[in-house]
Amino acid sequence: GEAESMVNACNRAGIKLLCGYQGRHFGAF
């Protein structure tokens, strides 16, 4: 519920919400 409220609030406000999954930048992945 909390996570959905965060995503929904940012989507409604036109704010770009990121989550700290920085491992998506690792070259091997």
PDB file of all heavy atoms in Angstrom:
ATOM      1  N   GLY A   1       0.814  -1.211   0.000  1.00  0.00           N
ATOM      2  CA  GLY A   1       0.000   0.000   0.000  1.00  0.00           C
ATOM      3  C   GLY A   1       0.844   1.255   0.000  1.00  0.00           C
ATOM      4  O   GLY A   1       0.569   2.207  -0.734  1.00  0.00           O
ATOM      5  N   GLU A   2       1.890   1.276   0.833  1.00  0.00           N
ATOM      6  CA  GLU A   2       2.762   2.441   0.883  1.00  0.00           C
ATOM      7  C   GLU A   2       3.495   2.644  -0.437  1.00  0.00           C
ATOM      8  O   GLU A   2       3.612   3.767  -0.938  1.00  0.00           O
ATOM      9  CB  GLU A   2       3.772   2.278   2.015  1.00  0.00           C
ATOM     10  CG  GLU A   2       3.181   2.375   3.404  1.00  0.00           C
ATOM     11  CD  GLU A   2       4.208   2.067   4.470  1.00  0.00           C
ATOM     12  OE1 GLU A   2       5.001   1.120   4.294  1.00  0.00           O
ATOM     13  OE2 GLU A   2       4.221   2.781   5.493  1.00  0.00           O
ATOM     14  N   ALA A   3       4.003   1.550  -1.003  1.00  0.00           N
ATOM     15  CA  ALA A   3       4.747   1.658  -2.265  1.00  0.00           C
ATOM     16  C   ALA A   3       3.850   2.178  -3.385  1.00  0.00           C
ATOM     17  O   ALA A   3       4.250   3.036  -4.177  1.00  0.00           O
ATOM     18  CB  ALA A   3       5.339   0.303  -2.642  1.00  0.00           C
ATOM     19  N   GLU A   4       2.640   1.655  -3.462  1.00  0.00           N
ATOM     20  CA  GLU A   4       1.706   2.116  -4.497  1.00  0.00           C
ATOM     21  C   GLU A   4       1.358   3.585  -4.305  1.00  0.00           C
ATOM     22  O   GLU A   4       1.221   4.326  -5.295  1.00  0.00           O
ATOM     23  CB  GLU A   4       0.444   1.253  -4.478  1.00  0.00           C
ATOM     24  CG  GLU A   4       0.672  -0.157  -5.003  1.00  0.00           C
ATOM     25  CD  GLU A   4      -0.538  -1.058  -4.850  1.00  0.00           C
ATOM     26  OE1 GLU A   4      -1.478  -0.685  -4.087  1.00  0.00           O
ATOM     27  OE2 GLU A   4      -0.549  -2.132  -5.463  1.00  0.00           O
ATOM     28  N   SER A   5       1.234   4.026  -3.056  1.00  0.00           N
ATOM     29  CA  SER A   5       0.914   5.436  -2.821  1.00  0.00           C
ATOM     30  C   SER A   5       2.046   6.331  -3.305  1.00  0.00           C
ATOM     31  O   SER A   5       1.802   7.434  -3.828  1.00  0.00           O
ATOM     32  CB  SER A   5       0.628   5.683  -1.334  1.00  0.00           C
ATOM     33  OG  SER A   5       1.806   5.595  -0.550  1.00  0.00           O
ATOM     34  N   MET A   6       3.280   5.886  -3.157  1.00  0.00           N
ATOM     35  CA  MET A   6       4.431   6.664  -3.626  1.00  0.00           C
ATOM     36  C   MET A   6       4.428   6.786  -5.149  1.00  0.00           C
ATOM     37  O   MET A   6       4.578   7.880  -5.702  1.00  0.00           O
ATOM     38  CB  MET A   6       5.728   5.993  -3.163  1.00  0.00           C
ATOM     39  CG  MET A   6       5.918   5.974  -1.656  1.00  0.00           C
ATOM     40  SD  MET A   6       7.147   4.757  -1.113  1.00  0.00           S
ATOM     41  CE  MET A   6       8.671   5.485  -1.759  1.00  0.00           C
ATOM     42  N   VAL A   7       4.265   5.652  -5.817  1.00  0.00           N
ATOM     43  CA  VAL A   7       4.264   5.651  -7.287  1.00  0.00           C
ATOM     44  C   VAL A   7       3.092   6.460  -7.819  1.00  0.00           C
ATOM     45  O   VAL A   7       3.243   7.279  -8.736  1.00  0.00           O
ATOM     46  CB  VAL A   7       4.234   4.207  -7.826  1.00  0.00           C
ATOM     47  CG1 VAL A   7       4.055   4.197  -9.341  1.00  0.00           C
ATOM     48  CG2 VAL A   7       5.522   3.469  -7.451  1.00  0.00           C
ATOM     49  N   ASN A   8       1.917   6.263  -7.234  1.00  0.00           N
ATOM     50  CA  ASN A   8       0.726   6.964  -7.723  1.00  0.00           C
ATOM     51  C   ASN A   8       0.831   8.469  -7.507  1.00  0.00           C
ATOM     52  O   ASN A   8       0.448   9.268  -8.383  1.00  0.00           O
ATOM     53  CB  ASN A   8      -0.525   6.426  -7.030  1.00  0.00           C
ATOM     54  CG  ASN A   8      -0.847   5.001  -7.448  1.00  0.00           C
ATOM     55  OD1 ASN A   8      -0.423   4.543  -8.499  1.00  0.00           O
ATOM     56  ND2 ASN A   8      -1.596   4.287  -6.626  1.00  0.00           N
ATOM     57  N   ALA A   9       1.334   8.883  -6.347  1.00  0.00           N
ATOM     58  CA  ALA A   9       1.460  10.313  -6.067  1.00  0.00           C
ATOM     59  C   ALA A   9       2.418  10.979  -7.042  1.00  0.00           C
ATOM     60  O   ALA A   9       2.151  12.084  -7.545  1.00  0.00           O
ATOM     61  CB  ALA A   9       1.939  10.526  -4.631  1.00  0.00           C
ATOM     62  N   CYS A  10       3.526  10.331  -7.332  1.00  0.00           N
ATOM     63  CA  CYS A  10       4.499  10.918  -8.266  1.00  0.00           C
ATOM     64  C   CYS A  10       3.964  10.922  -9.684  1.00  0.00           C
ATOM     65  O   CYS A  10       4.152  11.897 -10.433  1.00  0.00           O
ATOM     66  CB  CYS A  10       5.827  10.166  -8.177  1.00  0.00           C
ATOM     67  SG  CYS A  10       6.717  10.476  -6.637  1.00  0.00           S
ATOM     68  N   ASN A  11       3.293   9.843 -10.088  1.00  0.00           N
ATOM     69  CA  ASN A  11       2.717   9.808 -11.434  1.00  0.00           C
ATOM     70  C   ASN A  11       1.680  10.920 -11.610  1.00  0.00           C
ATOM     71  O   ASN A  11       1.637  11.596 -12.653  1.00  0.00           O
ATOM     72  CB  ASN A  11       2.085   8.445 -11.705  1.00  0.00           C
ATOM     73  CG  ASN A  11       3.123   7.351 -11.963  1.00  0.00           C
ATOM     74  OD1 ASN A  11       4.288   7.638 -12.244  1.00  0.00           O
ATOM     75  ND2 ASN A  11       2.706   6.105 -11.875  1.00  0.00           N
ATOM     76  N   ARG A  12       0.844  11.125 -10.588  1.00  0.00           N
ATOM     77  CA  ARG A  12      -0.178  12.181 -10.681  1.00  0.00           C
ATOM     78  C   ARG A  12       0.453  13.560 -10.769  1.00  0.00           C
ATOM     79  O   ARG A  12      -0.057  14.444 -11.478  1.00  0.00           O
ATOM     80  CB  ARG A  12      -1.118  12.116  -9.467  1.00  0.00           C
ATOM     81  CG  ARG A  12      -2.126  11.004  -9.495  1.00  0.00           C
ATOM     82  CD  ARG A  12      -3.225  11.236  -8.468  1.00  0.00           C
ATOM     83  NE  ARG A  12      -2.683  11.343  -7.119  1.00  0.00           N
ATOM     84  CZ  ARG A  12      -2.543  10.324  -6.285  1.00  0.00           C
ATOM     85  NH1 ARG A  12      -2.905   9.113  -6.653  1.00  0.00           N
ATOM     86  NH2 ARG A  12      -2.045  10.521  -5.071  1.00  0.00           N
ATOM     87  N   ALA A  13       1.550  13.763 -10.059  1.00  0.00           N
ATOM     88  CA  ALA A  13       2.195  15.081 -10.027  1.00  0.00           C
ATOM     89  C   ALA A  13       3.169  15.292 -11.183  1.00  0.00           C
ATOM     90  O   ALA A  13       3.744  16.374 -11.306  1.00  0.00           O
ATOM     91  CB  ALA A  13       2.926  15.257  -8.694  1.00  0.00           C
ATOM     92  N   GLY A  14       3.356  14.283 -12.016  1.00  0.00           N
ATOM     93  CA  GLY A  14       4.307  14.401 -13.116  1.00  0.00           C
ATOM     94  C   GLY A  14       5.754  14.388 -12.638  1.00  0.00           C
ATOM     95  O   GLY A  14       6.645  14.903 -13.334  1.00  0.00           O
ATOM     96  N   ILE A  15       5.991  13.792 -11.483  1.00  0.00           N
ATOM     97  CA  ILE A  15       7.340  13.695 -10.924  1.00  0.00           C
ATOM     98  C   ILE A  15       7.942  12.353 -11.314  1.00  0.00           C
ATOM     99  O   ILE A  15       7.285  11.314 -11.213  1.00  0.00           O
ATOM    100  CB  ILE A  15       7.300  13.827  -9.384  1.00  0.00           C
ATOM    101  CG1 ILE A  15       6.802  15.224  -8.984  1.00  0.00           C
ATOM    102  CG2 ILE A  15       8.666  13.545  -8.765  1.00  0.00           C
ATOM    103  CD1 ILE A  15       6.475  15.351  -7.508  1.00  0.00           C
ATOM    104  N   LYS A  16       9.182  12.374 -11.745  1.00  0.00           N
ATOM    105  CA  LYS A  16       9.878  11.143 -12.112  1.00  0.00           C
ATOM    106  C   LYS A  16      10.390  10.480 -10.828  1.00  0.00           C
ATOM    107  O   LYS A  16      11.279  11.007 -10.172  1.00  0.00           O
ATOM    108  CB  LYS A  16      11.020  11.456 -13.075  1.00  0.00           C
ATOM    109  CG  LYS A  16      10.562  12.154 -14.352  1.00  0.00           C
ATOM    110  CD  LYS A  16      11.734  12.486 -15.256  1.00  0.00           C
ATOM    111  CE  LYS A  16      11.323  13.366 -16.432  1.00  0.00           C
ATOM    112  NZ  LYS A  16      10.216  12.851 -17.234  1.00  0.00           N
ATOM    113  N   LEU A  17       9.835   9.314 -10.496  1.00  0.00           N
ATOM    114  CA  LEU A  17      10.245   8.595  -9.294  1.00  0.00           C
ATOM    115  C   LEU A  17      11.201   7.469  -9.671  1.00  0.00           C
ATOM    116  O   LEU A  17      10.885   6.637 -10.526  1.00  0.00           O
ATOM    117  CB  LEU A  17       9.024   8.007  -8.581  1.00  0.00           C
ATOM    118  CG  LEU A  17       9.319   7.121  -7.359  1.00  0.00           C
ATOM    119  CD1 LEU A  17       9.974   7.926  -6.239  1.00  0.00           C
ATOM    120  CD2 LEU A  17       8.038   6.437  -6.872  1.00  0.00           C
ATOM    121  N   LEU A  18      12.368   7.464  -9.037  1.00  0.00           N
ATOM    122  CA  LEU A  18      13.323   6.369  -9.199  1.00  0.00           C
ATOM    123  C   LEU A  18      13.411   5.599  -7.890  1.00  0.00           C
ATOM    124  O   LEU A  18      13.140   6.130  -6.818  1.00  0.00           O
ATOM    125  CB  LEU A  18      14.725   6.886  -9.537  1.00  0.00           C
ATOM    126  CG  LEU A  18      14.902   7.872 -10.694  1.00  0.00           C
ATOM    127  CD1 LEU A  18      16.395   8.107 -10.934  1.00  0.00           C
ATOM    128  CD2 LEU A  18      14.226   7.363 -11.944  1.00  0.00           C
ATOM    129  N   CYS A  19      13.828   4.335  -7.983  1.00  0.00           N
ATOM    130  CA  CYS A  19      14.157   3.546  -6.803  1.00  0.00           C
ATOM    131  C   CYS A  19      15.633   3.167  -6.874  1.00  0.00           C
ATOM    132  O   CYS A  19      16.175   2.973  -7.975  1.00  0.00           O
ATOM    133  CB  CYS A  19      13.280   2.293  -6.731  1.00  0.00           C
ATOM    134  SG  CYS A  19      13.499   1.364  -5.184  1.00  0.00           S
ATOM    135  N   GLY A  20      16.284   3.043  -5.731  1.00  0.00           N
ATOM    136  CA  GLY A  20      17.739   2.886  -5.682  1.00  0.00           C
ATOM    137  C   GLY A  20      18.261   1.525  -6.076  1.00  0.00           C
ATOM    138  O   GLY A  20      19.093   0.949  -5.359  1.00  0.00           O
ATOM    139  N   TYR A  21      17.825   1.020  -7.218  1.00  0.00           N
ATOM    140  CA  TYR A  21      18.339  -0.243  -7.749  1.00  0.00           C
ATOM    141  C   TYR A  21      19.454   0.056  -8.740  1.00  0.00           C
ATOM    142  O   TYR A  21      19.342  -0.162  -9.945  1.00  0.00           O
ATOM    143  CB  TYR A  21      17.211  -1.043  -8.392  1.00  0.00           C
ATOM    144  CG  TYR A  21      16.198  -1.540  -7.387  1.00  0.00           C
ATOM    145  CD1 TYR A  21      14.841  -1.266  -7.528  1.00  0.00           C
ATOM    146  CD2 TYR A  21      16.603  -2.282  -6.277  1.00  0.00           C
ATOM    147  CE1 TYR A  21      13.917  -1.720  -6.599  1.00  0.00           C
ATOM    148  CE2 TYR A  21      15.680  -2.741  -5.343  1.00  0.00           C
ATOM    149  CZ  TYR A  21      14.344  -2.459  -5.515  1.00  0.00           C
ATOM    150  OH  TYR A  21      13.438  -2.902  -4.582  1.00  0.00           O
ATOM    151  N   GLN A  22      20.567   0.571  -8.197  1.00  0.00           N
ATOM    152  CA  GLN A  22      21.668   1.015  -9.054  1.00  0.00           C
ATOM    153  C   GLN A  22      22.370  -0.142  -9.757  1.00  0.00           C
ATOM    154  O   GLN A  22      23.080   0.059 -10.744  1.00  0.00           O
ATOM    155  CB  GLN A  22      22.689   1.809  -8.222  1.00  0.00           C
ATOM    156  CG  GLN A  22      22.143   3.080  -7.607  1.00  0.00           C
ATOM    157  CD  GLN A  22      21.552   2.873  -6.220  1.00  0.00           C
ATOM    158  OE1 GLN A  22      21.608   1.781  -5.653  1.00  0.00           O
ATOM    159  NE2 GLN A  22      20.966   3.924  -5.658  1.00  0.00           N
ATOM    160  N   GLY A  23      22.161  -1.382  -9.280  1.00  0.00           N
ATOM    161  CA  GLY A  23      22.779  -2.536  -9.922  1.00  0.00           C
ATOM    162  C   GLY A  23      22.324  -2.754 -11.351  1.00  0.00           C
ATOM    163  O   GLY A  23      22.966  -3.498 -12.104  1.00  0.00           O
ATOM    164  N   ARG A  24      21.237  -2.109 -11.758  1.00  0.00           N
ATOM    165  CA  ARG A  24      20.811  -2.190 -13.156  1.00  0.00           C
ATOM    166  C   ARG A  24      21.825  -1.549 -14.108  1.00  0.00           C
ATOM    167  O   ARG A  24      21.742  -1.751 -15.316  1.00  0.00           O
ATOM    168  CB  ARG A  24      19.453  -1.499 -13.318  1.00  0.00           C
ATOM    169  CG  ARG A  24      18.290  -2.286 -12.753  1.00  0.00           C
ATOM    170  CD  ARG A  24      16.971  -1.533 -12.816  1.00  0.00           C
ATOM    171  NE  ARG A  24      15.855  -2.418 -12.529  1.00  0.00           N
ATOM    172  CZ  ARG A  24      14.856  -2.694 -13.366  1.00  0.00           C
ATOM    173  NH1 ARG A  24      14.834  -2.128 -14.566  1.00  0.00           N
ATOM    174  NH2 ARG A  24      13.895  -3.517 -13.024  1.00  0.00           N
ATOM    175  N   HIS A  25      22.767  -0.777 -13.559  1.00  0.00           N
ATOM    176  CA  HIS A  25      23.788  -0.151 -14.398  1.00  0.00           C
ATOM    177  C   HIS A  25      25.029  -1.029 -14.553  1.00  0.00           C
ATOM    178  O   HIS A  25      25.919  -0.680 -15.330  1.00  0.00           O
ATOM    179  CB  HIS A  25      24.195   1.202 -13.808  1.00  0.00           C
ATOM    180  CG  HIS A  25      23.088   2.201 -13.771  1.00  0.00           C
ATOM    181  ND1 HIS A  25      22.764   3.012 -14.845  1.00  0.00           N
ATOM    182  CD2 HIS A  25      22.202   2.512 -12.786  1.00  0.00           C
ATOM    183  CE1 HIS A  25      21.740   3.781 -14.523  1.00  0.00           C
ATOM    184  NE2 HIS A  25      21.378   3.505 -13.289  1.00  0.00           N
ATOM    185  N   PHE A  26      25.125  -2.138 -13.814  1.00  0.00           N
ATOM    186  CA  PHE A  26      26.284  -3.002 -13.947  1.00  0.00           C
ATOM    187  C   PHE A  26      26.337  -3.559 -15.369  1.00  0.00           C
ATOM    188  O   PHE A  26      25.335  -4.068 -15.892  1.00  0.00           O
ATOM    189  CB  PHE A  26      26.223  -4.164 -12.954  1.00  0.00           C
ATOM    190  CG  PHE A  26      26.315  -3.748 -11.506  1.00  0.00           C
ATOM    191  CD1 PHE A  26      26.020  -4.651 -10.499  1.00  0.00           C
ATOM    192  CD2 PHE A  26      26.706  -2.474 -11.133  1.00  0.00           C
ATOM    193  CE1 PHE A  26      26.115  -4.296  -9.161  1.00  0.00           C
ATOM    194  CE2 PHE A  26      26.801  -2.106  -9.796  1.00  0.00           C
ATOM    195  CZ  PHE A  26      26.501  -3.022  -8.812  1.00  0.00           C
ATOM    196  N   GLY A  27      27.521  -3.481 -15.987  1.00  0.00           N
ATOM    197  CA  GLY A  27      27.654  -3.851 -17.389  1.00  0.00           C
ATOM    198  C   GLY A  27      27.218  -5.262 -17.703  1.00  0.00           C
ATOM    199  O   GLY A  27      26.596  -5.521 -18.747  1.00  0.00           O
ATOM    200  N   ALA A  28      27.515  -6.226 -16.818  1.00  0.00           N
ATOM    201  CA  ALA A  28      27.177  -7.621 -17.092  1.00  0.00           C
ATOM    202  C   ALA A  28      25.666  -7.827 -17.168  1.00  0.00           C
ATOM    203  O   ALA A  28      25.182  -8.648 -17.962  1.00  0.00           O
ATOM    204  CB  ALA A  28      27.779  -8.522 -16.017  1.00  0.00           C
ATOM    205  N   PHE A  29      24.905  -7.086 -16.361  1.00  0.00           N
ATOM    206  CA  PHE A  29      23.453  -7.242 -16.377  1.00  0.00           C
ATOM    207  C   PHE A  29      22.844  -6.630 -17.633  1.00  0.00           C
ATOM    208  O   PHE A  29      21.890  -7.178 -18.205  1.00  0.00           O
ATOM    209  CB  PHE A  29      22.850  -6.636 -15.106  1.00  0.00           C
ATOM    210  CG  PHE A  29      23.123  -7.463 -13.891  1.00  0.00           C
ATOM    211  CD1 PHE A  29      24.290  -7.284 -13.167  1.00  0.00           C
ATOM    212  CD2 PHE A  29      22.246  -8.447 -13.494  1.00  0.00           C
ATOM    213  CE1 PHE A  29      24.571  -8.064 -12.059  1.00  0.00           C
ATOM    214  CE2 PHE A  29      22.506  -9.238 -12.377  1.00  0.00           C
ATOM    215  CZ  PHE A  29      23.682  -9.044 -11.668  1.00  0.00           C
TER     216      PHE A  29
END
